[in-house]
């Protein structure tokens, strides 16, 4: 499959770590210009500098998302769920790259991305 990401501008939120960071790295390496959004501006500034040094095009933008879940019981349950079912970030990045790299006449408008350990 050819690379159809060159010349595309892709906005990635949550780019300071995990899924967003892995996706930004992969799409930038494949020729896309990435706009990085996250709460941790220091981390996305560093990532933008790294991607640019490696020959990519990246722009860091700070976002004002809620810091975290403040209810202790809910936060504990969310943390436990992520530990039990987390998918490697590069798996998500590959799914996004697949969708974005299709020819202009192909529209991938929906991808179901979930851990195989998750019950339906």
PDB file of N, CA and C in Angstrom:
ATOM      1  N   UNK A   1       0.849  -1.175   0.000  1.00  0.00           N
ATOM      2  CA  UNK A   1       0.000   0.000   0.000  1.00  0.00           C
ATOM      3  C   UNK A   1       0.889   1.230   0.000  1.00  0.00           C
ATOM      4  N   UNK A   2       0.566   2.193  -0.829  1.00  0.00           N
ATOM      5  CA  UNK A   2       1.318   3.432  -0.897  1.00  0.00           C
ATOM      6  C   UNK A   2       1.046   4.314   0.305  1.00  0.00           C
ATOM      7  N   UNK A   3       1.911   5.283   0.500  1.00  0.00           N
ATOM      8  CA  UNK A   3       1.755   6.209   1.615  1.00  0.00           C
ATOM      9  C   UNK A   3       1.003   7.433   1.127  1.00  0.00           C
ATOM     10  N   UNK A   4      -0.183   7.645   1.650  1.00  0.00           N
ATOM     11  CA  UNK A   4      -1.021   8.777   1.252  1.00  0.00           C
ATOM     12  C   UNK A   4      -1.112   9.840   2.336  1.00  0.00           C
ATOM     13  N   UNK A   5      -0.165   9.851   3.266  1.00  0.00           N
ATOM     14  CA  UNK A   5      -0.227  10.817   4.361  1.00  0.00           C
ATOM     15  C   UNK A   5       0.545  12.101   4.063  1.00  0.00           C
ATOM     16  N   UNK A   6       1.441  12.067   3.113  1.00  0.00           N
ATOM     17  CA  UNK A   6       2.226  13.263   2.784  1.00  0.00           C
ATOM     18  C   UNK A   6       1.283  14.396   2.396  1.00  0.00           C
ATOM     19  N   UNK A   7       1.498  15.559   3.003  1.00  0.00           N
ATOM     20  CA  UNK A   7       0.683  16.723   2.698  1.00  0.00           C
ATOM     21  C   UNK A   7      -0.585  16.849   3.522  1.00  0.00           C
ATOM     22  N   UNK A   8      -0.928  15.826   4.311  1.00  0.00           N
ATOM     23  CA  UNK A   8      -2.125  15.912   5.150  1.00  0.00           C
ATOM     24  C   UNK A   8      -1.760  16.536   6.493  1.00  0.00           C
ATOM     25  N   UNK A   9      -2.684  17.323   7.038  1.00  0.00           N
ATOM     26  CA  UNK A   9      -2.522  17.915   8.362  1.00  0.00           C
ATOM     27  C   UNK A   9      -3.491  17.199   9.287  1.00  0.00           C
ATOM     28  N   UNK A  10      -2.966  16.625  10.368  1.00  0.00           N
ATOM     29  CA  UNK A  10      -3.771  15.820  11.274  1.00  0.00           C
ATOM     30  C   UNK A  10      -3.653  16.375  12.689  1.00  0.00           C
ATOM     31  N   UNK A  11      -4.788  16.665  13.310  1.00  0.00           N
ATOM     32  CA  UNK A  11      -4.823  17.169  14.679  1.00  0.00           C
ATOM     33  C   UNK A  11      -4.949  15.979  15.624  1.00  0.00           C
ATOM     34  N   UNK A  12      -4.057  15.915  16.603  1.00  0.00           N
ATOM     35  CA  UNK A  12      -4.053  14.810  17.566  1.00  0.00           C
ATOM     36  C   UNK A  12      -4.182  15.392  18.962  1.00  0.00           C
ATOM     37  N   UNK A  13      -5.278  15.054  19.644  1.00  0.00           N
ATOM     38  CA  UNK A  13      -5.445  15.496  21.029  1.00  0.00           C
ATOM     39  C   UNK A  13      -4.903  14.404  21.946  1.00  0.00           C
ATOM     40  N   UNK A  14      -4.501  14.796  23.121  1.00  0.00           N
ATOM     41  CA  UNK A  14      -3.918  13.830  24.047  1.00  0.00           C
ATOM     42  C   UNK A  14      -2.562  13.349  23.562  1.00  0.00           C
ATOM     43  N   UNK A  15      -1.807  14.222  22.906  1.00  0.00           N
ATOM     44  CA  UNK A  15      -0.556  13.828  22.255  1.00  0.00           C
ATOM     45  C   UNK A  15       0.641  13.777  23.193  1.00  0.00           C
ATOM     46  N   UNK A  16       0.465  14.073  24.471  1.00  0.00           N
ATOM     47  CA  UNK A  16       1.615  14.114  25.371  1.00  0.00           C
ATOM     48  C   UNK A  16       2.078  12.735  25.829  1.00  0.00           C
ATOM     49  N   UNK A  17       1.256  11.702  25.620  1.00  0.00           N
ATOM     50  CA  UNK A  17       1.662  10.353  26.020  1.00  0.00           C
ATOM     51  C   UNK A  17       0.714   9.326  25.418  1.00  0.00           C
ATOM     52  N   UNK A  18       1.022   8.078  25.601  1.00  0.00           N
ATOM     53  CA  UNK A  18       0.142   6.976  25.242  1.00  0.00           C
ATOM     54  C   UNK A  18      -0.290   6.946  23.792  1.00  0.00           C
ATOM     55  N   UNK A  19      -1.603   6.766  23.570  1.00  0.00           N
ATOM     56  CA  UNK A  19      -2.161   6.629  22.223  1.00  0.00           C
ATOM     57  C   UNK A  19      -1.849   7.823  21.341  1.00  0.00           C
ATOM     58  N   UNK A  20      -2.049   9.015  21.879  1.00  0.00           N
ATOM     59  CA  UNK A  20      -1.824  10.223  21.082  1.00  0.00           C
ATOM     60  C   UNK A  20      -0.375  10.393  20.683  1.00  0.00           C
ATOM     61  N   UNK A  21       0.539  10.156  21.611  1.00  0.00           N
ATOM     62  CA  UNK A  21       1.966  10.297  21.309  1.00  0.00           C
ATOM     63  C   UNK A  21       2.403   9.277  20.257  1.00  0.00           C
ATOM     64  N   UNK A  22       2.001   8.024  20.432  1.00  0.00           N
ATOM     65  CA  UNK A  22       2.380   6.983  19.471  1.00  0.00           C
ATOM     66  C   UNK A  22       1.827   7.292  18.083  1.00  0.00           C
ATOM     67  N   UNK A  23       0.594   7.775  18.028  1.00  0.00           N
ATOM     68  CA  UNK A  23      -0.026   8.111  16.749  1.00  0.00           C
ATOM     69  C   UNK A  23       0.701   9.284  16.095  1.00  0.00           C
ATOM     70  N   UNK A  24       1.042  10.292  16.884  1.00  0.00           N
ATOM     71  CA  UNK A  24       1.772  11.444  16.346  1.00  0.00           C
ATOM     72  C   UNK A  24       3.114  11.015  15.769  1.00  0.00           C
ATOM     73  N   UNK A  25       3.827  10.167  16.468  1.00  0.00           N
ATOM     74  CA  UNK A  25       5.126   9.691  15.985  1.00  0.00           C
ATOM     75  C   UNK A  25       4.984   8.940  14.660  1.00  0.00           C
ATOM     76  N   UNK A  26       4.036   8.021  14.593  1.00  0.00           N
ATOM     77  CA  UNK A  26       3.868   7.202  13.394  1.00  0.00           C
ATOM     78  C   UNK A  26       3.408   8.038  12.204  1.00  0.00           C
ATOM     79  N   UNK A  27       2.399   8.880  12.406  1.00  0.00           N
ATOM     80  CA  UNK A  27       1.884   9.672  11.290  1.00  0.00           C
ATOM     81  C   UNK A  27       2.918  10.676  10.791  1.00  0.00           C
ATOM     82  N   UNK A  28       3.680  11.262  11.702  1.00  0.00           N
ATOM     83  CA  UNK A  28       4.737  12.187  11.311  1.00  0.00           C
ATOM     84  C   UNK A  28       5.812  11.449  10.510  1.00  0.00           C
ATOM     85  N   UNK A  29       6.192  10.266  10.960  1.00  0.00           N
ATOM     86  CA  UNK A  29       7.194   9.473  10.244  1.00  0.00           C
ATOM     87  C   UNK A  29       6.720   9.087   8.849  1.00  0.00           C
ATOM     88  N   UNK A  30       5.398   9.012   8.676  1.00  0.00           N
ATOM     89  CA  UNK A  30       4.845   8.641   7.376  1.00  0.00           C
ATOM     90  C   UNK A  30       4.522   9.861   6.509  1.00  0.00           C
ATOM     91  N   UNK A  31       4.938  11.061   6.950  1.00  0.00           N
ATOM     92  CA  UNK A  31       4.836  12.241   6.105  1.00  0.00           C
ATOM     93  C   UNK A  31       3.745  13.240   6.438  1.00  0.00           C
ATOM     94  N   UNK A  32       2.895  12.946   7.415  1.00  0.00           N
ATOM     95  CA  UNK A  32       1.832  13.884   7.773  1.00  0.00           C
ATOM     96  C   UNK A  32       2.387  15.033   8.609  1.00  0.00           C
ATOM     97  N   UNK A  33       1.745  16.187   8.517  1.00  0.00           N
ATOM     98  CA  UNK A  33       2.010  17.289   9.431  1.00  0.00           C
ATOM     99  C   UNK A  33       1.065  17.084  10.610  1.00  0.00           C
ATOM    100  N   UNK A  34       1.606  17.072  11.834  1.00  0.00           N
ATOM    101  CA  UNK A  34       0.769  16.811  13.002  1.00  0.00           C
ATOM    102  C   UNK A  34       0.665  18.056  13.871  1.00  0.00           C
ATOM    103  N   UNK A  35      -0.548  18.337  14.309  1.00  0.00           N
ATOM    104  CA  UNK A  35      -0.817  19.398  15.278  1.00  0.00           C
ATOM    105  C   UNK A  35      -1.101  18.683  16.591  1.00  0.00           C
ATOM    106  N   UNK A  36      -0.272  18.932  17.596  1.00  0.00           N
ATOM    107  CA  UNK A  36      -0.315  18.202  18.856  1.00  0.00           C
ATOM    108  C   UNK A  36      -1.051  19.011  19.913  1.00  0.00           C
ATOM    109  N   UNK A  37      -2.075  18.420  20.506  1.00  0.00           N
ATOM    110  CA  UNK A  37      -2.811  19.073  21.577  1.00  0.00           C
ATOM    111  C   UNK A  37      -2.757  18.224  22.832  1.00  0.00           C
ATOM    112  N   UNK A  38      -2.579  18.853  23.975  1.00  0.00           N
ATOM    113  CA  UNK A  38      -2.547  18.134  25.259  1.00  0.00           C
ATOM    114  C   UNK A  38      -2.523  19.124  26.403  1.00  0.00           C
ATOM    115  N   UNK A  39      -2.778  18.610  27.599  1.00  0.00           N
ATOM    116  CA  UNK A  39      -2.699  19.445  28.796  1.00  0.00           C
ATOM    117  C   UNK A  39      -1.258  19.714  29.187  1.00  0.00           C
ATOM    118  N   UNK A  40      -0.378  18.743  28.968  1.00  0.00           N
ATOM    119  CA  UNK A  40       1.020  18.866  29.395  1.00  0.00           C
ATOM    120  C   UNK A  40       1.844  19.491  28.269  1.00  0.00           C
ATOM    121  N   UNK A  41       1.810  20.811  28.222  1.00  0.00           N
ATOM    122  CA  UNK A  41       2.437  21.551  27.135  1.00  0.00           C
ATOM    123  C   UNK A  41       3.933  21.271  27.057  1.00  0.00           C
ATOM    124  N   UNK A  42       4.600  21.064  28.193  1.00  0.00           N
ATOM    125  CA  UNK A  42       6.042  20.794  28.164  1.00  0.00           C
ATOM    126  C   UNK A  42       6.348  19.514  27.397  1.00  0.00           C
ATOM    127  N   UNK A  43       5.511  18.486  27.563  1.00  0.00           N
ATOM    128  CA  UNK A  43       5.751  17.212  26.872  1.00  0.00           C
ATOM    129  C   UNK A  43       5.469  17.315  25.379  1.00  0.00           C
ATOM    130  N   UNK A  44       4.415  18.043  24.991  1.00  0.00           N
ATOM    131  CA  UNK A  44       4.156  18.114  23.552  1.00  0.00           C
ATOM    132  C   UNK A  44       5.128  19.066  22.858  1.00  0.00           C
ATOM    133  N   UNK A  45       5.635  20.088  23.612  1.00  0.00           N
ATOM    134  CA  UNK A  45       6.679  20.931  23.002  1.00  0.00           C
ATOM    135  C   UNK A  45       7.905  20.095  22.719  1.00  0.00           C
ATOM    136  N   UNK A  46       8.273  19.203  23.667  1.00  0.00           N
ATOM    137  CA  UNK A  46       9.427  18.325  23.467  1.00  0.00           C
ATOM    138  C   UNK A  46       9.188  17.380  22.294  1.00  0.00           C
ATOM    139  N   UNK A  47       7.986  16.810  22.216  1.00  0.00           N
ATOM    140  CA  UNK A  47       7.656  15.900  21.126  1.00  0.00           C
ATOM    141  C   UNK A  47       7.698  16.627  19.787  1.00  0.00           C
ATOM    142  N   UNK A  48       7.155  17.833  19.732  1.00  0.00           N
ATOM    143  CA  UNK A  48       7.172  18.608  18.488  1.00  0.00           C
ATOM    144  C   UNK A  48       8.611  18.879  18.052  1.00  0.00           C
ATOM    145  N   UNK A  49       9.475  19.230  18.996  1.00  0.00           N
ATOM    146  CA  UNK A  49      10.883  19.464  18.673  1.00  0.00           C
ATOM    147  C   UNK A  49      11.533  18.195  18.138  1.00  0.00           C
ATOM    148  N   UNK A  50      11.256  17.068  18.777  1.00  0.00           N
ATOM    149  CA  UNK A  50      11.829  15.786  18.351  1.00  0.00           C
ATOM    150  C   UNK A  50      11.376  15.417  16.938  1.00  0.00           C
ATOM    151  N   UNK A  51      10.075  15.541  16.674  1.00  0.00           N
ATOM    152  CA  UNK A  51       9.553  15.187  15.355  1.00  0.00           C
ATOM    153  C   UNK A  51      10.136  16.090  14.277  1.00  0.00           C
ATOM    154  N   UNK A  52      10.298  17.364  14.604  1.00  0.00           N
ATOM    155  CA  UNK A  52      10.868  18.317  13.649  1.00  0.00           C
ATOM    156  C   UNK A  52      12.336  17.992  13.377  1.00  0.00           C
ATOM    157  N   UNK A  53      13.081  17.661  14.426  1.00  0.00           N
ATOM    158  CA  UNK A  53      14.496  17.273  14.250  1.00  0.00           C
ATOM    159  C   UNK A  53      14.627  16.051  13.357  1.00  0.00           C
ATOM    160  N   UNK A  54      13.632  15.150  13.430  1.00  0.00           N
ATOM    161  CA  UNK A  54      13.656  13.923  12.631  1.00  0.00           C
ATOM    162  C   UNK A  54      13.129  14.135  11.217  1.00  0.00           C
ATOM    163  N   UNK A  55      12.877  15.393  10.839  1.00  0.00           N
ATOM    164  CA  UNK A  55      12.448  15.698   9.484  1.00  0.00           C
ATOM    165  C   UNK A  55      10.950  15.846   9.302  1.00  0.00           C
ATOM    166  N   UNK A  56      10.170  15.704  10.382  1.00  0.00           N
ATOM    167  CA  UNK A  56       8.722  15.844  10.295  1.00  0.00           C
ATOM    168  C   UNK A  56       8.282  17.284  10.474  1.00  0.00           C
ATOM    169  N   UNK A  57       6.971  17.491  10.412  1.00  0.00           N
ATOM    170  CA  UNK A  57       6.385  18.807  10.647  1.00  0.00           C
ATOM    171  C   UNK A  57       5.404  18.663  11.790  1.00  0.00           C
ATOM    172  N   UNK A  58       5.612  19.448  12.851  1.00  0.00           N
ATOM    173  CA  UNK A  58       4.750  19.343  14.028  1.00  0.00           C
ATOM    174  C   UNK A  58       4.580  20.703  14.680  1.00  0.00           C
ATOM    175  N   UNK A  59       3.406  20.909  15.266  1.00  0.00           N
ATOM    176  CA  UNK A  59       3.072  22.139  15.978  1.00  0.00           C
ATOM    177  C   UNK A  59       2.420  21.743  17.289  1.00  0.00           C
ATOM    178  N   UNK A  60       2.879  22.291  18.412  1.00  0.00           N
ATOM    179  CA  UNK A  60       2.319  21.993  19.724  1.00  0.00           C
ATOM    180  C   UNK A  60       1.322  23.069  20.139  1.00  0.00           C
ATOM    181  N   UNK A  61       0.161  22.650  20.655  1.00  0.00           N
ATOM    182  CA  UNK A  61      -0.897  23.561  21.090  1.00  0.00           C
ATOM    183  C   UNK A  61      -1.404  23.087  22.455  1.00  0.00           C
ATOM    184  N   UNK A  62      -1.437  23.974  23.444  1.00  0.00           N
ATOM    185  CA  UNK A  62      -1.945  23.607  24.765  1.00  0.00           C
ATOM    186  C   UNK A  62      -3.468  23.561  24.738  1.00  0.00           C
ATOM    187  N   UNK A  63      -4.047  22.621  25.465  1.00  0.00           N
ATOM    188  CA  UNK A  63      -5.499  22.518  25.569  1.00  0.00           C
ATOM    189  C   UNK A  63      -5.902  22.592  27.029  1.00  0.00           C
ATOM    190  N   UNK A  64      -7.138  22.959  27.268  1.00  0.00           N
ATOM    191  CA  UNK A  64      -7.666  23.062  28.621  1.00  0.00           C
ATOM    192  C   UNK A  64      -8.673  21.942  28.872  1.00  0.00           C
ATOM    193  N   UNK A  65      -8.185  20.732  29.034  1.00  0.00           N
ATOM    194  CA  UNK A  65      -9.037  19.595  29.344  1.00  0.00           C
ATOM    195  C   UNK A  65      -9.065  19.392  30.851  1.00  0.00           C
ATOM    196  N   UNK A  66     -10.103  18.742  31.357  1.00  0.00           N
ATOM    197  CA  UNK A  66     -10.127  18.470  32.797  1.00  0.00           C
ATOM    198  C   UNK A  66      -8.878  17.704  33.227  1.00  0.00           C
ATOM    199  N   UNK A  67      -8.342  18.072  34.365  1.00  0.00           N
ATOM    200  CA  UNK A  67      -7.089  17.455  34.814  1.00  0.00           C
ATOM    201  C   UNK A  67      -7.219  15.972  35.082  1.00  0.00           C
ATOM    202  N   UNK A  68      -8.248  15.588  35.791  1.00  0.00           N
ATOM    203  CA  UNK A  68      -8.406  14.173  36.117  1.00  0.00           C
ATOM    204  C   UNK A  68      -9.754  13.962  36.784  1.00  0.00           C
ATOM    205  N   UNK A  69     -10.060  12.698  37.018  1.00  0.00           N
ATOM    206  CA  UNK A  69     -11.271  12.356  37.760  1.00  0.00           C
ATOM    207  C   UNK A  69     -10.991  12.638  39.225  1.00  0.00           C
ATOM    208  N   UNK A  70     -11.868  13.383  39.889  1.00  0.00           N
ATOM    209  CA  UNK A  70     -11.612  13.775  41.271  1.00  0.00           C
ATOM    210  C   UNK A  70     -12.279  12.856  42.297  1.00  0.00           C
ATOM    211  N   UNK A  71     -13.256  12.083  41.881  1.00  0.00           N
ATOM    212  CA  UNK A  71     -13.924  11.145  42.799  1.00  0.00           C
ATOM    213  C   UNK A  71     -13.009   9.936  42.995  1.00  0.00           C
ATOM    214  N   UNK A  72     -12.523   9.691  44.217  1.00  0.00           N
ATOM    215  CA  UNK A  72     -11.546   8.622  44.462  1.00  0.00           C
ATOM    216  C   UNK A  72     -11.996   7.231  44.001  1.00  0.00           C
ATOM    217  N   UNK A  73     -13.249   6.858  44.265  1.00  0.00           N
ATOM    218  CA  UNK A  73     -13.708   5.524  43.868  1.00  0.00           C
ATOM    219  C   UNK A  73     -13.739   5.378  42.347  1.00  0.00           C
ATOM    220  N   UNK A  74     -14.213   6.406  41.667  1.00  0.00           N
ATOM    221  CA  UNK A  74     -14.284   6.369  40.206  1.00  0.00           C
ATOM    222  C   UNK A  74     -12.865   6.330  39.621  1.00  0.00           C
ATOM    223  N   UNK A  75     -11.974   7.146  40.163  1.00  0.00           N
ATOM    224  CA  UNK A  75     -10.591   7.181  39.692  1.00  0.00           C
ATOM    225  C   UNK A  75      -9.931   5.816  39.870  1.00  0.00           C
ATOM    226  N   UNK A  76     -10.171   5.173  40.994  1.00  0.00           N
ATOM    227  CA  UNK A  76      -9.592   3.849  41.241  1.00  0.00           C
ATOM    228  C   UNK A  76     -10.115   2.820  40.240  1.00  0.00           C
ATOM    229  N   UNK A  77     -11.415   2.855  39.956  1.00  0.00           N
ATOM    230  CA  UNK A  77     -11.997   1.924  38.989  1.00  0.00           C
ATOM    231  C   UNK A  77     -11.461   2.155  37.583  1.00  0.00           C
ATOM    232  N   UNK A  78     -11.321   3.396  37.197  1.00  0.00           N
ATOM    233  CA  UNK A  78     -10.776   3.710  35.872  1.00  0.00           C
ATOM    234  C   UNK A  78      -9.337   3.225  35.773  1.00  0.00           C
ATOM    235  N   UNK A  79      -8.545   3.462  36.810  1.00  0.00           N
ATOM    236  CA  UNK A  79      -7.154   3.026  36.825  1.00  0.00           C
ATOM    237  C   UNK A  79      -7.063   1.500  36.707  1.00  0.00           C
ATOM    238  N   UNK A  80      -7.882   0.795  37.443  1.00  0.00           N
ATOM    239  CA  UNK A  80      -7.900  -0.670  37.400  1.00  0.00           C
ATOM    240  C   UNK A  80      -8.296  -1.174  36.018  1.00  0.00           C
ATOM    241  N   UNK A  81      -9.308  -0.549  35.411  1.00  0.00           N
ATOM    242  CA  UNK A  81      -9.746  -0.946  34.073  1.00  0.00           C
ATOM    243  C   UNK A  81      -8.608  -0.793  33.063  1.00  0.00           C
ATOM    244  N   UNK A  82      -7.874   0.317  33.118  1.00  0.00           N
ATOM    245  CA  UNK A  82      -6.773   0.529  32.205  1.00  0.00           C
ATOM    246  C   UNK A  82      -5.667  -0.505  32.406  1.00  0.00           C
ATOM    247  N   UNK A  83      -5.394  -0.868  33.659  1.00  0.00           N
ATOM    248  CA  UNK A  83      -4.373  -1.876  33.934  1.00  0.00           C
ATOM    249  C   UNK A  83      -4.764  -3.231  33.369  1.00  0.00           C
ATOM    250  N   UNK A  84      -6.043  -3.572  33.441  1.00  0.00           N
ATOM    251  CA  UNK A  84      -6.512  -4.884  33.006  1.00  0.00           C
ATOM    252  C   UNK A  84      -6.685  -4.987  31.491  1.00  0.00           C
ATOM    253  N   UNK A  85      -7.041  -3.907  30.819  1.00  0.00           N
ATOM    254  CA  UNK A  85      -7.408  -3.991  29.408  1.00  0.00           C
ATOM    255  C   UNK A  85      -6.599  -3.096  28.477  1.00  0.00           C
ATOM    256  N   UNK A  86      -5.565  -2.473  28.955  1.00  0.00           N
ATOM    257  CA  UNK A  86      -4.834  -1.515  28.118  1.00  0.00           C
ATOM    258  C   UNK A  86      -4.291  -2.164  26.847  1.00  0.00           C
ATOM    259  N   UNK A  87      -4.418  -1.446  25.758  1.00  0.00           N
ATOM    260  CA  UNK A  87      -3.890  -1.867  24.461  1.00  0.00           C
ATOM    261  C   UNK A  87      -2.617  -1.050  24.217  1.00  0.00           C
ATOM    262  N   UNK A  88      -1.575  -1.669  23.657  1.00  0.00           N
ATOM    263  CA  UNK A  88      -0.367  -0.884  23.371  1.00  0.00           C
ATOM    264  C   UNK A  88      -0.691   0.305  22.466  1.00  0.00           C
ATOM    265  N   UNK A  89      -0.105   1.439  22.780  1.00  0.00           N
ATOM    266  CA  UNK A  89      -0.384   2.663  22.040  1.00  0.00           C
ATOM    267  C   UNK A  89      -0.053   2.533  20.562  1.00  0.00           C
ATOM    268  N   UNK A  90       0.998   1.784  20.230  1.00  0.00           N
ATOM    269  CA  UNK A  90       1.352   1.668  18.813  1.00  0.00           C
ATOM    270  C   UNK A  90       0.308   0.889  18.024  1.00  0.00           C
ATOM    271  N   UNK A  91      -0.486   0.049  18.685  1.00  0.00           N
ATOM    272  CA  UNK A  91      -1.584  -0.643  17.989  1.00  0.00           C
ATOM    273  C   UNK A  91      -2.623   0.362  17.514  1.00  0.00           C
ATOM    274  N   UNK A  92      -2.968   1.303  18.377  1.00  0.00           N
ATOM    275  CA  UNK A  92      -3.908   2.362  18.001  1.00  0.00           C
ATOM    276  C   UNK A  92      -3.325   3.220  16.883  1.00  0.00           C
ATOM    277  N   UNK A  93      -2.056   3.561  17.007  1.00  0.00           N
ATOM    278  CA  UNK A  93      -1.409   4.394  15.996  1.00  0.00           C
ATOM    279  C   UNK A  93      -1.466   3.728  14.621  1.00  0.00           C
ATOM    280  N   UNK A  94      -1.253   2.420  14.550  1.00  0.00           N
ATOM    281  CA  UNK A  94      -1.316   1.715  13.266  1.00  0.00           C
ATOM    282  C   UNK A  94      -2.726   1.750  12.680  1.00  0.00           C
ATOM    283  N   UNK A  95      -3.753   1.632  13.530  1.00  0.00           N
ATOM    284  CA  UNK A  95      -5.137   1.694  13.036  1.00  0.00           C
ATOM    285  C   UNK A  95      -5.439   3.074  12.452  1.00  0.00           C
ATOM    286  N   UNK A  96      -4.981   4.118  13.110  1.00  0.00           N
ATOM    287  CA  UNK A  96      -5.193   5.481  12.606  1.00  0.00           C
ATOM    288  C   UNK A  96      -4.428   5.685  11.302  1.00  0.00           C
ATOM    289  N   UNK A  97      -3.186   5.225  11.260  1.00  0.00           N
ATOM    290  CA  UNK A  97      -2.387   5.369  10.043  1.00  0.00           C
ATOM    291  C   UNK A  97      -3.054   4.649   8.871  1.00  0.00           C
ATOM    292  N   UNK A  98      -3.617   3.473   9.119  1.00  0.00           N
ATOM    293  CA  UNK A  98      -4.328   2.739   8.071  1.00  0.00           C
ATOM    294  C   UNK A  98      -5.480   3.575   7.523  1.00  0.00           C
ATOM    295  N   UNK A  99      -6.297   4.108   8.411  1.00  0.00           N
ATOM    296  CA  UNK A  99      -7.458   4.890   7.977  1.00  0.00           C
ATOM    297  C   UNK A  99      -7.037   6.146   7.223  1.00  0.00           C
ATOM    298  N   UNK A 100      -6.026   6.831   7.711  1.00  0.00           N
ATOM    299  CA  UNK A 100      -5.607   8.095   7.120  1.00  0.00           C
ATOM    300  C   UNK A 100      -4.853   7.927   5.804  1.00  0.00           C
ATOM    301  N   UNK A 101      -4.264   6.753   5.573  1.00  0.00           N
ATOM    302  CA  UNK A 101      -3.421   6.575   4.395  1.00  0.00           C
ATOM    303  C   UNK A 101      -4.162   6.012   3.181  1.00  0.00           C
ATOM    304  N   UNK A 102      -5.466   5.883   3.291  1.00  0.00           N
ATOM    305  CA  UNK A 102      -6.236   5.373   2.158  1.00  0.00           C
ATOM    306  C   UNK A 102      -6.304   6.413   1.038  1.00  0.00           C
ATOM    307  N   UNK A 103      -6.488   5.956  -0.201  1.00  0.00           N
ATOM    308  CA  UNK A 103      -6.608   6.902  -1.318  1.00  0.00           C
ATOM    309  C   UNK A 103      -7.794   7.848  -1.112  1.00  0.00           C
ATOM    310  N   UNK A 104      -7.758   8.979  -1.779  1.00  0.00           N
ATOM    311  CA  UNK A 104      -8.801   9.994  -1.628  1.00  0.00           C
ATOM    312  C   UNK A 104     -10.208   9.459  -1.905  1.00  0.00           C
ATOM    313  N   UNK A 105     -10.327   8.457  -2.780  1.00  0.00           N
ATOM    314  CA  UNK A 105     -11.658   7.936  -3.111  1.00  0.00           C
ATOM    315  C   UNK A 105     -12.170   6.914  -2.095  1.00  0.00           C
ATOM    316  N   UNK A 106     -11.370   6.642  -1.060  1.00  0.00           N
ATOM    317  CA  UNK A 106     -11.770   5.692  -0.016  1.00  0.00           C
ATOM    318  C   UNK A 106     -11.998   6.461   1.279  1.00  0.00           C
ATOM    319  N   UNK A 107     -13.150   6.235   1.902  1.00  0.00           N
ATOM    320  CA  UNK A 107     -13.472   6.892   3.170  1.00  0.00           C
ATOM    321  C   UNK A 107     -13.634   5.830   4.247  1.00  0.00           C
ATOM    322  N   UNK A 108     -12.676   5.783   5.159  1.00  0.00           N
ATOM    323  CA  UNK A 108     -12.796   4.911   6.318  1.00  0.00           C
ATOM    324  C   UNK A 108     -13.403   5.785   7.402  1.00  0.00           C
ATOM    325  N   UNK A 109     -14.707   5.635   7.634  1.00  0.00           N
ATOM    326  CA  UNK A 109     -15.364   6.542   8.571  1.00  0.00           C
ATOM    327  C   UNK A 109     -15.603   5.933   9.934  1.00  0.00           C
ATOM    328  N   UNK A 110     -15.240   4.681  10.102  1.00  0.00           N
ATOM    329  CA  UNK A 110     -15.475   4.071  11.405  1.00  0.00           C
ATOM    330  C   UNK A 110     -14.535   2.884  11.592  1.00  0.00           C
ATOM    331  N   UNK A 111     -13.875   2.849  12.727  1.00  0.00           N
ATOM    332  CA  UNK A 111     -13.047   1.710  13.111  1.00  0.00           C
ATOM    333  C   UNK A 111     -13.412   1.369  14.545  1.00  0.00           C
ATOM    334  N   UNK A 112     -13.737   0.113  14.787  1.00  0.00           N
ATOM    335  CA  UNK A 112     -13.988  -0.347  16.155  1.00  0.00           C
ATOM    336  C   UNK A 112     -12.653  -0.796  16.719  1.00  0.00           C
ATOM    337  N   UNK A 113     -12.192  -0.092  17.729  1.00  0.00           N
ATOM    338  CA  UNK A 113     -10.889  -0.349  18.338  1.00  0.00           C
ATOM    339  C   UNK A 113     -11.133  -0.681  19.795  1.00  0.00           C
ATOM    340  N   UNK A 114     -10.905  -1.936  20.164  1.00  0.00           N
ATOM    341  CA  UNK A 114     -11.125  -2.322  21.556  1.00  0.00           C
ATOM    342  C   UNK A 114     -10.198  -3.463  21.901  1.00  0.00           C
ATOM    343  N   UNK A 115      -9.907  -3.649  23.169  1.00  0.00           N
ATOM    344  CA  UNK A 115      -9.069  -4.774  23.571  1.00  0.00           C
ATOM    345  C   UNK A 115      -9.814  -6.093  23.404  1.00  0.00           C
ATOM    346  N   UNK A 116      -9.117  -7.118  22.990  1.00  0.00           N
ATOM    347  CA  UNK A 116      -9.767  -8.420  22.805  1.00  0.00           C
ATOM    348  C   UNK A 116     -10.194  -9.010  24.149  1.00  0.00           C
ATOM    349  N   UNK A 117      -9.625  -8.518  25.237  1.00  0.00           N
ATOM    350  CA  UNK A 117     -10.025  -9.010  26.575  1.00  0.00           C
ATOM    351  C   UNK A 117     -11.327  -8.395  27.076  1.00  0.00           C
ATOM    352  N   UNK A 118     -11.839  -7.399  26.370  1.00  0.00           N
ATOM    353  CA  UNK A 118     -13.062  -6.713  26.788  1.00  0.00           C
ATOM    354  C   UNK A 118     -14.282  -7.490  26.318  1.00  0.00           C
ATOM    355  N   UNK A 119     -15.184  -7.772  27.218  1.00  0.00           N
ATOM    356  CA  UNK A 119     -16.425  -8.450  26.830  1.00  0.00           C
ATOM    357  C   UNK A 119     -17.356  -7.460  26.158  1.00  0.00           C
ATOM    358  N   UNK A 120     -18.094  -7.963  25.177  1.00  0.00           N
ATOM    359  CA  UNK A 120     -19.066  -7.091  24.495  1.00  0.00           C
ATOM    360  C   UNK A 120     -20.327  -6.936  25.296  1.00  0.00           C
TER     361      UNK A 120
END
